[in-house]
Structure formats: C-alpha cells, structure tokens
Amino acid sequence: MKTLVGASLCASVLLLTSGCATMGAGFGAPSTHVSPEMRDQPARFVVVTVTNPSQAPSVRAGATPRAYGNGGLYSISNTAALVVRDIGHDYRLKQVSAWPIESLGVHCVVYAIPSDSSAEQVIARLAKDSRVESAQPLNEFKLQSGDATASIYNDPYADLQRNLAELAVNQAHEWSRGAGVRIAIIDTGVDYDHPDLKGRIVEHRNFVDADDRQFPRDLHGTQVAGVIGADAGNDFGIVGIAPEARLIAYKSCWHVRANAGQAVCNSFTLAQALEAALAAKVHIVNLSLSGPADPLLARIVRRGIDRGMLFVGAIAPVGVEGGFPTGVAGVIAVGSAEDGRGDGKELLAPGREVLTLVPGGHCDFATGSSFATAQVSGTLALLLSARRNMTSDQAFRLLAQTSRSVQSVDGMITSVNACAALAQVLNQTGCATPTKAVAGLETEPTAKP
C-alpha cells in the first residue's frame, strides 16, 4: 500500500456566513478569519449592529481612501465608532471582530461577553439600548447532508478512514471529542512533531534508552497515537477517535528492525511505564501488546484498576500465549473485528487496513489488533469526557451492549459503536446508522449516569 503524504490537499472550508464578515479589534483592514474561540465557544459571543450612515471619506494629499471590500468606499463613521466603543465599555464587552455592512447601513460588531454573563442576558439588556440597531447570538449553521456518515472534517484523508463510519465517530463527535481525558500510550516512541500530533503529546518519556533521535522515528507508537488522537479540523492528514484527549507517550518497547512494524518490550520497561502512568493519574492506559502472564505487571495494573484507571489491551493472535495484559481481571480486551473471534469476553473494532499516521509527517494503512485496541481507547475517552466516573466493568458492558453489526469492505463485522455508547451515557437519541445491535449483548443492564 502506497504511503499517503500528509500534504494540504483540497480540504473543505466551513465559512460562517451570519451577515458579518470579521476584522480585528480597532478598525483596520477587514479579515475573513474567525478566531478559534469563536469556533469553539460561540455561546460566549454576541453579534451587534449599530446605525452607520454612509459618508464620503476624507482624502488628504498623498493618501488613498480606505475601502472595505473590493473597491467600495463604505467605512465606519466616527459616530458609529464612538457608539461601538461606548457600548463595549458600558456592558463590559470586548470587540473581537467587526465589519461595516453597506447594504444595511450598519456597522456589525462581534463582542466577547463577560465570563459572569450569558449571551441571553447580554442580548436582553442590549435590546433595550436605543443605540443598538440589533443584537443576537453568534449562531452556527450546518450543511445538512443526507448521508449520516459523511465527513464533517476538513482533514484531507478523513473520507478514507472507514473506521470513522464503522464506529459512528462522526456522530459521536457532535457530543464529545475526549476533552479533559488523559491517555497513556505504552508502546514504542511516537513522532510528537508529526503535524497531526504536534501539541497533542503533552508528555513523553523513554524507558528503553537515551536515544532521543530515534524516539520520534518509531513506527508502531506513532500509528497507535494517530488512531487515538490525531488532530481534527487542521486541514491536514486524518482524524483521531478522541482528537481533544491529552496523550502521554511512554516508550517501553523497541522495534526489532528499523522501519519495521514488529516491536518488543520486557517486564522491566513495561513496569516502569505502568508505574509512570499511575503516578501521572491518567484515565486510560493503551496497551497494544500481548505476551505471557507476568505477576509484577499484573500487580501494577490491578493497583491502577483499583484507583479507577481503565486499561485496554490487545488480544494475542491465535496460537500465541496471551496472559498479559488481557489475562488480568479488569483489563478491557480488544480484538480485530475482521477476525470474527468475538466470544463475549472481548470487544471488537476494525483492525484491518486502518488509516493512521507514520513518522515523518505521513499517513499509511496498518493492520492488527493493536489498532482495534487504539480505537477502543479513543472511544473510551469520548465516554469519560462525558461521564468521568466509569469502572472497567461498566465501560466494558456499555461498549458490548451498544456494539453493532455493520457493513465493511470485508463484509459484515461486529464493532463497538461510539455514537450508540455515548448516546446511552448522555440519554440522547440521534445515532442515525443503518446498523443493528448484536444479538445477545443487550441482556445485562448498564448503570445509567
């Protein structure tokens, strides 16, 4: 499979067209950009217009009229500028964007509201002010696609991520993206400078060696981190299952050969990484590995489970001993859905040809229960972001009961369903998928929040 270079391709751009284009504070040249805060927290802003009668611009020798728009001469009047300033002062509002709208004869301003007020309260007060021509919330508008699994991202390879549709991640992201959840990835090193991971890895430690140059060149850990938490909406690469979770990379494994997927760990390095995860008080530990039973590692894991941490482990291939980590009571075991090995003791998620990240700023496809495990860890982050106090047993039962039979390129598979699980946690409806619950998994009730 050819590696996909992570370049900025023809990404979709969402334009908020509420009648007011934006410009910086003050009254300089207009900007078409929307601040990150306006995108992420629209409820903290209000849109206000004030009367702005047309006036002929004054022109000095050697100067050119300042125009708003392409060739127009309509600009904010001195009177409107003073009104905008005074309104901001009187109501403790901060002007963040503005634009004179010639067709309406008004100046449009986006104000950030004080932290101790709501948009509704501010709008109600502004509506009584004779200086205000109009006041309203900063509304959001969504393109209404008929396809429930259509991409809502501008990441160029999101449409190639079949797992996003198979797990109904697009819909789950309407409610949660994993904010506030810390995930420890105990694996090889991770390319923390990858454009889709830059700023996403909040801490990294090496329990294998002192080779700082090799750490970001490691393949497997980068692949796992990409599945779990690749950035979303950054016009680059792919979308992680939990793009707002905070990732911690603990290198306790190493590649047998350079640039090869096969990697190994040992009790010593894993024990150090597990202990570090406990000390960091992470919420989820991803263990995309398997091996023989190990009493030392099992004790550390049990201590973490007693503290409320969730451990997610990959089941071993057929014919391979797999006592750790999935042999430890309380560890959430995960297998590849395409292998069809579900016996009620493990969860299933897509594990074949999963598009993810590779070192050097690239993307490629990967196969194995490692990546099914990573998808479950990401899904758990979505759940914990909405309901923090969830035990391993509760999490397993919830994901098992809400698993769905879905159509994949390999035929029908059973997989966890992020939207269905999150909807149950939030007592919501609206997971519009052409899937059905897997028979036999809905018999044991899950505790409601």
Protein backbone atom coordinates (compact mmCIF):
# COMPACT_ATOMS: atom_id res chain seq x y z
CA MET A 1 0.00 0.00 0.00
CA LYS A 2 1.44 3.32 -1.04
CA THR A 3 2.15 5.78 1.76
CA LEU A 4 -0.01 8.88 1.72
CA VAL A 5 1.98 12.09 2.05
CA GLY A 6 0.42 14.42 4.60
CA ALA A 7 0.12 17.49 2.38
CA SER A 8 -2.65 20.07 2.44
CA LEU A 9 -4.98 18.85 -0.29
CA CYS A 10 -8.36 20.15 -1.39
CA ALA A 11 -9.77 20.41 2.12
CA SER A 12 -13.30 21.63 2.71
CA VAL A 13 -13.55 25.01 4.39
CA LEU A 14 -16.53 25.88 6.57
CA LEU A 15 -17.47 29.53 6.21
CA LEU A 16 -19.69 31.09 8.86
CA THR A 17 -21.89 33.50 6.93
CA SER A 18 -24.02 35.27 9.51
CA GLY A 19 -24.10 38.59 7.66
CA CYS A 20 -20.98 39.99 9.32
CA ALA A 21 -17.52 39.46 7.94
CA THR A 22 -14.80 39.82 10.54
CA MET A 23 -11.99 42.18 11.21
CA GLY A 24 -9.60 42.76 14.05
CA ALA A 25 -10.22 44.97 17.06
CA GLY A 26 -9.94 48.60 16.11
CA PHE A 27 -10.95 49.50 12.63
CA GLY A 28 -8.18 48.33 10.37
CA ALA A 29 -8.40 46.29 7.19
CA PRO A 30 -11.05 43.55 7.38
CA SER A 31 -10.20 39.90 7.95
CA THR A 32 -12.10 36.86 6.69
CA HIS A 33 -10.79 34.70 9.54
CA VAL A 34 -12.78 33.50 12.53
CA SER A 35 -10.91 33.22 15.80
CA PRO A 36 -10.52 29.75 17.35
CA GLU A 37 -12.53 30.96 20.35
CA MET A 38 -15.43 31.91 18.16
CA ARG A 39 -15.42 28.48 16.58
CA ASP A 40 -15.06 26.56 19.82
CA GLN A 41 -17.25 28.64 22.13
CA PRO A 42 -19.82 30.55 20.07
CA ALA A 43 -22.08 30.95 23.10
CA ARG A 44 -19.54 33.39 24.56
CA PHE A 45 -20.11 35.93 21.80
CA VAL A 46 -22.90 38.23 20.61
CA VAL A 47 -23.41 39.99 17.28
CA VAL A 48 -24.42 43.65 17.49
CA THR A 49 -25.18 46.22 14.80
CA VAL A 50 -25.29 49.99 15.12
CA THR A 51 -26.50 52.56 12.61
CA ASN A 52 -23.71 53.62 10.28
CA PRO A 53 -24.84 56.19 7.69
CA SER A 54 -22.83 56.41 4.52
CA GLN A 55 -20.35 59.23 4.37
CA ALA A 56 -17.82 60.43 1.87
CA PRO A 57 -14.31 59.57 3.00
CA SER A 58 -11.91 62.41 3.56
CA VAL A 59 -8.87 62.35 1.34
CA ARG A 60 -5.59 64.05 2.10
CA ALA A 61 -2.86 64.83 -0.36
CA GLY A 62 -0.81 61.74 -0.99
CA ALA A 63 -3.40 59.45 0.62
CA THR A 64 -5.91 56.98 -0.79
CA PRO A 65 -9.37 56.31 0.64
CA ARG A 66 -9.57 53.22 2.86
CA ALA A 67 -12.06 50.81 1.36
CA TYR A 68 -13.93 47.93 2.96
CA GLY A 69 -14.48 45.28 0.34
CA ASN A 70 -13.34 45.19 -3.24
CA GLY A 71 -13.31 48.74 -4.39
CA GLY A 72 -16.08 50.06 -2.13
CA LEU A 73 -15.62 53.22 -0.09
CA TYR A 74 -18.14 52.42 2.66
CA SER A 75 -16.45 52.64 6.06
CA ILE A 76 -17.32 53.12 9.69
CA SER A 77 -18.33 56.64 10.58
CA ASN A 78 -16.83 58.48 13.51
CA THR A 79 -20.22 58.43 15.21
CA ALA A 80 -20.60 54.67 14.81
CA ALA A 81 -17.05 54.12 16.03
CA LEU A 82 -17.77 56.03 19.22
CA VAL A 83 -21.04 54.16 19.76
CA VAL A 84 -19.30 50.80 19.35
CA ARG A 85 -16.64 51.84 21.85
CA ASP A 86 -19.15 53.13 24.38
CA ILE A 87 -21.34 50.01 24.15
CA GLY A 88 -18.31 47.84 24.83
CA HIS A 89 -17.42 49.95 27.85
CA ASP A 90 -20.95 50.15 29.26
CA TYR A 91 -21.63 46.39 29.05
CA ARG A 92 -18.07 45.12 29.63
CA LEU A 93 -17.90 43.67 26.14
CA LYS A 94 -14.69 43.08 24.19
CA GLN A 95 -14.77 43.75 20.47
CA VAL A 96 -13.13 40.89 18.61
CA SER A 97 -14.37 41.34 15.05
CA ALA A 98 -16.21 43.98 13.05
CA TRP A 99 -17.41 44.91 9.57
CA PRO A 100 -19.48 47.73 8.06
CA ILE A 101 -22.43 46.34 6.08
CA GLU A 102 -23.21 48.82 3.35
CA SER A 103 -26.45 47.24 2.16
CA LEU A 104 -27.99 47.64 5.64
CA GLY A 105 -26.33 50.90 6.56
CA VAL A 106 -24.95 49.41 9.79
CA HIS A 107 -21.68 48.54 11.42
CA CYS A 108 -21.60 44.94 12.62
CA VAL A 109 -19.55 44.01 15.67
CA VAL A 110 -18.84 40.68 17.37
CA TYR A 111 -18.34 41.15 21.09
CA ALA A 112 -16.98 38.65 23.60
CA ILE A 113 -19.22 38.67 26.67
CA PRO A 114 -18.01 38.67 30.29
CA SER A 115 -17.47 35.29 31.92
CA ASP A 116 -20.12 36.06 34.56
CA SER A 117 -22.85 36.69 31.99
CA SER A 118 -24.71 34.65 29.40
CA ALA A 119 -25.42 35.65 25.83
CA GLU A 120 -29.15 35.69 26.58
CA GLN A 121 -28.67 38.15 29.46
CA VAL A 122 -26.46 40.46 27.44
CA ILE A 123 -28.79 40.42 24.44
CA ALA A 124 -31.78 41.23 26.65
CA ARG A 125 -30.01 44.31 28.01
CA LEU A 126 -28.76 45.42 24.62
CA ALA A 127 -32.25 45.15 23.13
CA LYS A 128 -33.37 47.99 25.43
CA ASP A 129 -30.49 50.28 24.39
CA SER A 130 -31.54 52.87 21.80
CA ARG A 131 -28.00 52.94 20.39
CA VAL A 132 -28.26 49.27 19.36
CA GLU A 133 -29.78 48.57 15.95
CA SER A 134 -29.88 44.79 16.56
CA ALA A 135 -28.42 42.17 18.89
CA GLN A 136 -28.37 38.40 18.55
CA PRO A 137 -26.39 35.26 19.41
CA LEU A 138 -23.44 34.11 17.30
CA ASN A 139 -25.36 31.26 15.67
CA GLU A 140 -23.87 28.25 13.94
CA PHE A 141 -25.19 26.75 10.73
CA LYS A 142 -24.55 23.25 9.46
CA LEU A 143 -24.70 21.86 5.97
CA GLN A 144 -27.39 19.16 6.05
CA SER A 145 -26.04 16.10 4.28
CA GLY A 146 -28.32 13.17 3.64
CA ASP A 147 -25.51 10.75 4.48
CA ALA A 148 -25.19 10.26 8.25
CA THR A 149 -21.57 9.13 7.82
CA ALA A 150 -20.46 11.95 5.54
CA SER A 151 -17.26 13.63 6.62
CA ILE A 152 -17.65 16.73 8.78
CA TYR A 153 -13.92 17.42 8.78
CA ASN A 154 -11.54 19.39 6.59
CA ASP A 155 -8.78 16.82 7.16
CA PRO A 156 -7.97 15.65 3.61
CA TYR A 157 -7.84 11.92 4.37
CA ALA A 158 -10.87 11.72 6.69
CA ASP A 159 -13.03 10.29 3.91
CA LEU A 160 -10.59 7.38 3.58
CA GLN A 161 -10.99 6.44 7.24
CA ARG A 162 -13.58 3.69 7.00
CA ASN A 163 -13.34 3.13 10.74
CA LEU A 164 -14.89 6.56 11.41
CA ALA A 165 -18.11 5.37 9.76
CA GLU A 166 -17.93 1.83 11.19
CA LEU A 167 -17.68 3.23 14.74
CA ALA A 168 -20.06 6.17 14.02
CA VAL A 169 -17.35 8.53 15.23
CA ASN A 170 -18.57 11.46 13.15
CA GLN A 171 -21.86 11.50 15.04
CA ALA A 172 -20.23 10.88 18.42
CA HIS A 173 -18.05 13.95 17.89
CA GLU A 174 -21.19 16.07 17.98
CA TRP A 175 -21.29 15.31 21.72
CA SER A 176 -17.71 14.57 22.75
CA ARG A 177 -14.16 14.66 21.42
CA GLY A 178 -12.42 13.43 24.55
CA ALA A 179 -11.62 16.79 26.11
CA GLY A 180 -10.01 16.57 29.54
CA VAL A 181 -9.15 12.87 29.32
CA ARG A 182 -5.51 11.78 29.66
CA ILE A 183 -4.38 8.66 27.81
CA ALA A 184 -1.05 6.93 28.36
CA ILE A 185 0.25 5.12 25.28
CA ILE A 186 2.70 2.46 26.45
CA ASP A 187 4.40 1.45 23.25
CA THR A 188 7.41 2.40 21.15
CA GLY A 189 8.33 6.05 20.68
CA VAL A 190 5.97 8.47 18.95
CA ASP A 191 6.59 11.14 16.34
CA TYR A 192 5.48 14.03 18.55
CA ASP A 193 6.48 16.50 15.81
CA HIS A 194 4.10 14.95 13.28
CA PRO A 195 1.79 17.76 12.07
CA ASP A 196 -1.23 15.71 13.19
CA LEU A 197 0.28 15.10 16.66
CA LYS A 198 2.13 18.34 17.32
CA GLY A 199 0.81 19.74 20.57
CA ARG A 200 -1.25 16.59 21.14
CA ILE A 201 1.52 14.75 23.04
CA VAL A 202 1.64 16.57 26.37
CA GLU A 203 4.44 14.42 27.79
CA HIS A 204 6.86 11.78 26.52
CA ARG A 205 9.38 9.59 28.35
CA ASN A 206 11.78 6.92 27.24
CA PHE A 207 12.16 3.82 29.40
CA VAL A 208 14.17 1.95 26.78
CA ASP A 209 17.28 4.03 26.07
CA ALA A 210 18.63 7.55 25.77
CA ASP A 211 18.26 7.73 22.01
CA ASP A 212 16.27 10.93 21.65
CA ARG A 213 16.74 10.93 17.88
CA GLN A 214 15.10 7.54 17.44
CA PHE A 215 12.09 8.24 19.66
CA PRO A 216 10.11 10.26 17.06
CA ARG A 217 11.15 7.85 14.29
CA ASP A 218 9.41 4.84 15.84
CA LEU A 219 6.58 3.44 13.75
CA HIS A 220 4.20 1.46 15.96
CA GLY A 221 3.69 4.06 18.69
CA THR A 222 3.10 6.74 16.07
CA GLN A 223 0.48 4.56 14.40
CA VAL A 224 -1.33 3.91 17.69
CA ALA A 225 -1.20 7.59 18.71
CA GLY A 226 -2.62 8.59 15.33
CA VAL A 227 -5.62 6.29 15.67
CA ILE A 228 -6.37 7.55 19.17
CA GLY A 229 -5.74 11.25 18.98
CA ALA A 230 -4.72 12.71 15.61
CA ASP A 231 -5.77 16.34 15.43
CA ALA A 232 -9.10 17.15 13.80
CA GLY A 233 -10.07 20.13 11.70
CA ASN A 234 -6.50 21.22 11.00
CA ASP A 235 -6.59 20.86 7.20
CA PHE A 236 -4.08 18.02 7.48
CA GLY A 237 -3.97 14.25 7.48
CA ILE A 238 -6.58 12.27 9.38
CA VAL A 239 -8.96 12.48 12.35
CA GLY A 240 -8.32 10.68 15.64
CA ILE A 241 -11.10 8.96 17.58
CA ALA A 242 -10.51 11.36 20.51
CA PRO A 243 -8.87 14.43 18.97
CA GLU A 244 -9.17 16.53 22.13
CA ALA A 245 -7.78 13.98 24.59
CA ARG A 246 -4.31 14.59 26.02
CA LEU A 247 -1.79 11.94 25.06
CA ILE A 248 1.24 10.79 27.04
CA ALA A 249 3.80 8.67 25.18
CA TYR A 250 5.80 6.19 27.26
CA LYS A 251 8.38 4.32 25.25
CA SER A 252 8.86 0.88 26.75
CA CYS A 253 9.12 -1.12 23.52
CA TRP A 254 11.53 -1.03 20.61
CA HIS A 255 11.46 -2.13 17.01
CA VAL A 256 13.28 -5.34 16.18
CA ARG A 257 14.38 -3.81 12.88
CA ALA A 258 14.44 -0.19 11.79
CA ASN A 259 11.28 0.94 9.99
CA ALA A 260 9.59 -2.40 10.76
CA GLY A 261 6.26 -2.85 12.50
CA GLN A 262 7.42 -5.64 14.80
CA ALA A 263 8.43 -4.41 18.25
CA VAL A 264 9.09 -5.99 21.63
CA CYS A 265 9.07 -4.92 25.29
CA ASN A 266 10.05 -6.56 28.57
CA SER A 267 8.82 -6.70 32.15
CA PHE A 268 11.32 -4.07 33.28
CA THR A 269 10.47 -1.41 30.74
CA LEU A 270 6.74 -2.09 30.96
CA ALA A 271 6.78 -1.93 34.76
CA GLN A 272 8.42 1.48 34.65
CA ALA A 273 5.94 2.78 32.12
CA LEU A 274 2.95 1.41 34.03
CA GLU A 275 4.20 2.96 37.25
CA ALA A 276 4.68 6.28 35.49
CA ALA A 277 1.10 6.07 34.23
CA LEU A 278 -0.16 5.54 37.77
CA ALA A 279 1.90 8.47 39.04
CA ALA A 280 0.54 10.68 36.27
CA LYS A 281 -3.02 9.69 37.24
CA VAL A 282 -4.04 9.09 33.66
CA HIS A 283 -7.57 7.97 32.93
CA ILE A 284 -6.81 5.37 30.24
CA VAL A 285 -3.77 3.20 29.52
CA ASN A 286 -3.47 1.81 26.00
CA LEU A 287 -1.52 -1.47 25.79
CA SER A 288 -1.48 -2.54 22.16
CA LEU A 289 0.64 -5.59 23.00
CA SER A 290 0.36 -9.12 24.32
CA GLY A 291 2.60 -11.72 25.97
CA PRO A 292 2.81 -14.27 28.76
CA ALA A 293 1.34 -13.83 32.21
CA ASP A 294 3.51 -11.51 34.31
CA PRO A 295 2.80 -11.26 38.07
CA LEU A 296 4.70 -7.98 38.54
CA LEU A 297 2.94 -6.22 35.71
CA ALA A 298 -0.39 -7.68 36.77
CA ARG A 299 0.01 -6.25 40.28
CA ILE A 300 0.71 -2.78 38.94
CA VAL A 301 -2.26 -2.95 36.62
CA ARG A 302 -4.56 -4.14 39.40
CA ARG A 303 -3.44 -1.22 41.53
CA GLY A 304 -4.35 1.14 38.73
CA ILE A 305 -7.75 -0.51 38.25
CA ASP A 306 -8.40 -0.11 41.98
CA ARG A 307 -7.74 3.62 41.51
CA GLY A 308 -10.32 3.85 38.75
CA MET A 309 -7.99 3.75 35.73
CA LEU A 310 -9.07 1.94 32.57
CA PHE A 311 -6.59 -0.44 30.91
CA VAL A 312 -7.18 -1.53 27.32
CA GLY A 313 -5.18 -4.43 25.88
CA ALA A 314 -4.84 -6.28 22.59
CA ILE A 315 -5.73 -9.97 22.45
CA ALA A 316 -2.97 -12.24 21.19
CA PRO A 317 -3.13 -13.88 17.75
CA VAL A 318 -4.48 -17.42 17.51
CA GLY A 319 -1.98 -19.92 18.90
CA VAL A 320 0.03 -17.33 20.84
CA GLU A 321 0.05 -17.23 24.64
CA GLY A 322 -1.60 -14.04 25.85
CA GLY A 323 -1.57 -13.85 29.64
CA PHE A 324 -0.74 -10.15 29.75
CA PRO A 325 -2.37 -7.73 29.65
CA THR A 326 -5.74 -9.25 28.73
CA GLY A 327 -5.38 -12.08 31.25
CA VAL A 328 -5.54 -9.59 34.12
CA ALA A 329 -9.06 -9.26 35.53
CA GLY A 330 -10.47 -5.85 34.74
CA VAL A 331 -8.38 -5.19 31.63
CA ILE A 332 -10.63 -4.46 28.65
CA ALA A 333 -9.60 -6.93 25.95
CA VAL A 334 -9.94 -5.96 22.29
CA GLY A 335 -9.66 -7.94 19.08
CA SER A 336 -9.91 -7.17 15.37
CA ALA A 337 -13.49 -7.29 14.15
CA GLU A 338 -12.41 -8.85 10.86
CA ASP A 339 -11.05 -11.91 12.68
CA GLY A 340 -14.54 -12.73 13.92
CA ARG A 341 -13.32 -14.15 17.22
CA GLY A 342 -15.85 -12.41 19.46
CA ASP A 343 -16.88 -14.74 22.30
CA GLY A 344 -18.30 -12.14 24.69
CA LYS A 345 -15.02 -11.79 26.60
CA GLU A 346 -13.55 -9.08 24.41
CA LEU A 347 -14.68 -6.09 22.45
CA LEU A 348 -14.23 -5.87 18.70
CA ALA A 349 -13.24 -2.95 16.47
CA PRO A 350 -11.90 -2.64 12.92
CA GLY A 351 -8.31 -3.84 12.72
CA ARG A 352 -7.64 -4.25 9.02
CA GLU A 353 -6.26 -1.51 6.79
CA VAL A 354 -6.83 1.25 9.35
CA LEU A 355 -5.58 4.59 8.06
CA THR A 356 -3.29 6.23 10.59
CA LEU A 357 -0.08 8.22 10.99
CA VAL A 358 3.52 7.19 10.35
CA PRO A 359 6.72 9.09 11.21
CA GLY A 360 7.91 11.89 9.01
CA GLY A 361 4.58 13.66 8.60
CA HIS A 362 2.93 10.90 6.56
CA CYS A 363 -0.11 8.61 6.70
CA ASP A 364 -0.43 4.92 5.82
CA PHE A 365 -2.61 1.90 6.45
CA ALA A 366 -1.96 -0.54 9.30
CA THR A 367 -3.42 -3.90 10.30
CA GLY A 368 -3.65 -5.73 13.63
CA SER A 369 -5.45 -5.87 16.94
CA SER A 370 -3.10 -3.08 18.08
CA PHE A 371 -5.19 -0.62 16.12
CA ALA A 372 -8.51 -2.10 17.14
CA THR A 373 -7.30 -1.58 20.71
CA ALA A 374 -6.39 2.02 19.99
CA GLN A 375 -9.88 2.68 18.64
CA VAL A 376 -11.48 1.36 21.81
CA SER A 377 -9.16 3.53 23.93
CA GLY A 378 -10.22 6.54 21.89
CA THR A 379 -13.89 5.61 22.22
CA LEU A 380 -13.50 5.30 25.99
CA ALA A 381 -12.04 8.80 26.05
CA LEU A 382 -15.21 10.11 24.41
CA LEU A 383 -17.26 8.40 27.13
CA LEU A 384 -15.10 9.53 30.04
CA SER A 385 -15.17 13.10 28.82
CA ALA A 386 -18.95 12.95 29.24
CA ARG A 387 -19.06 10.76 32.36
CA ARG A 388 -15.79 10.62 34.26
CA ASN A 389 -16.56 8.02 36.94
CA MET A 390 -16.89 4.80 34.98
CA THR A 391 -15.40 1.49 36.11
CA SER A 392 -13.81 -1.06 33.80
CA ASP A 393 -16.81 -3.38 34.18
CA GLN A 394 -19.27 -0.59 33.40
CA ALA A 395 -17.26 0.54 30.39
CA PHE A 396 -16.98 -2.99 29.02
CA ARG A 397 -20.68 -3.73 29.44
CA LEU A 398 -21.69 -0.44 27.87
CA LEU A 399 -19.50 -0.93 24.80
CA ALA A 400 -20.54 -4.56 24.47
CA GLN A 401 -24.25 -3.81 24.68
CA THR A 402 -24.05 -0.96 22.19
CA SER A 403 -21.85 -2.82 19.69
CA ARG A 404 -23.35 -3.02 16.23
CA SER A 405 -23.26 -5.23 13.18
CA VAL A 406 -22.03 -3.03 10.34
CA GLN A 407 -21.18 -3.40 6.69
CA SER A 408 -17.49 -3.13 5.86
CA VAL A 409 -15.46 -3.75 2.73
CA ASP A 410 -14.74 -7.20 4.20
CA GLY A 411 -18.44 -7.94 4.71
CA MET A 412 -20.50 -7.71 7.88
CA ILE A 413 -18.47 -7.19 11.05
CA THR A 414 -19.29 -6.55 14.69
CA SER A 415 -17.78 -3.41 16.18
CA VAL A 416 -18.12 -1.06 19.11
CA ASN A 417 -20.22 1.97 18.22
CA ALA A 418 -19.03 5.24 19.70
CA CYS A 419 -22.25 7.12 18.97
CA ALA A 420 -24.57 4.48 20.42
CA ALA A 421 -22.49 4.16 23.60
CA LEU A 422 -22.23 7.90 24.09
CA ALA A 423 -25.94 8.37 23.44
CA GLN A 424 -26.72 5.93 26.24
CA VAL A 425 -24.41 7.76 28.65
CA LEU A 426 -25.99 11.11 27.80
CA ASN A 427 -29.55 9.77 27.50
CA GLN A 428 -29.64 11.09 23.97
CA THR A 429 -31.03 9.87 20.66
CA GLY A 430 -29.97 10.59 17.13
CA CYS A 431 -27.38 7.99 16.13
CA ALA A 432 -28.68 7.62 12.61
CA THR A 433 -26.90 4.49 11.43
CA PRO A 434 -28.16 1.62 9.28
CA THR A 435 -26.86 -0.83 11.88
CA LYS A 436 -28.39 -3.11 14.45
CA ALA A 437 -27.50 -4.25 17.94
CA VAL A 438 -25.67 -7.56 18.12
CA ALA A 439 -27.94 -10.28 19.47
CA GLY A 440 -27.16 -11.45 22.98
CA LEU A 441 -25.25 -8.35 24.09
CA GLU A 442 -28.19 -6.37 25.43
CA THR A 443 -29.23 -8.69 28.22
CA GLU A 444 -27.20 -7.19 31.08
CA PRO A 445 -28.23 -3.64 32.05
CA THR A 446 -25.63 -0.91 32.23
CA ALA A 447 -25.69 1.62 35.04
CA LYS A 448 -27.10 4.96 33.91
CA PRO A 449 -25.38 8.18 34.82
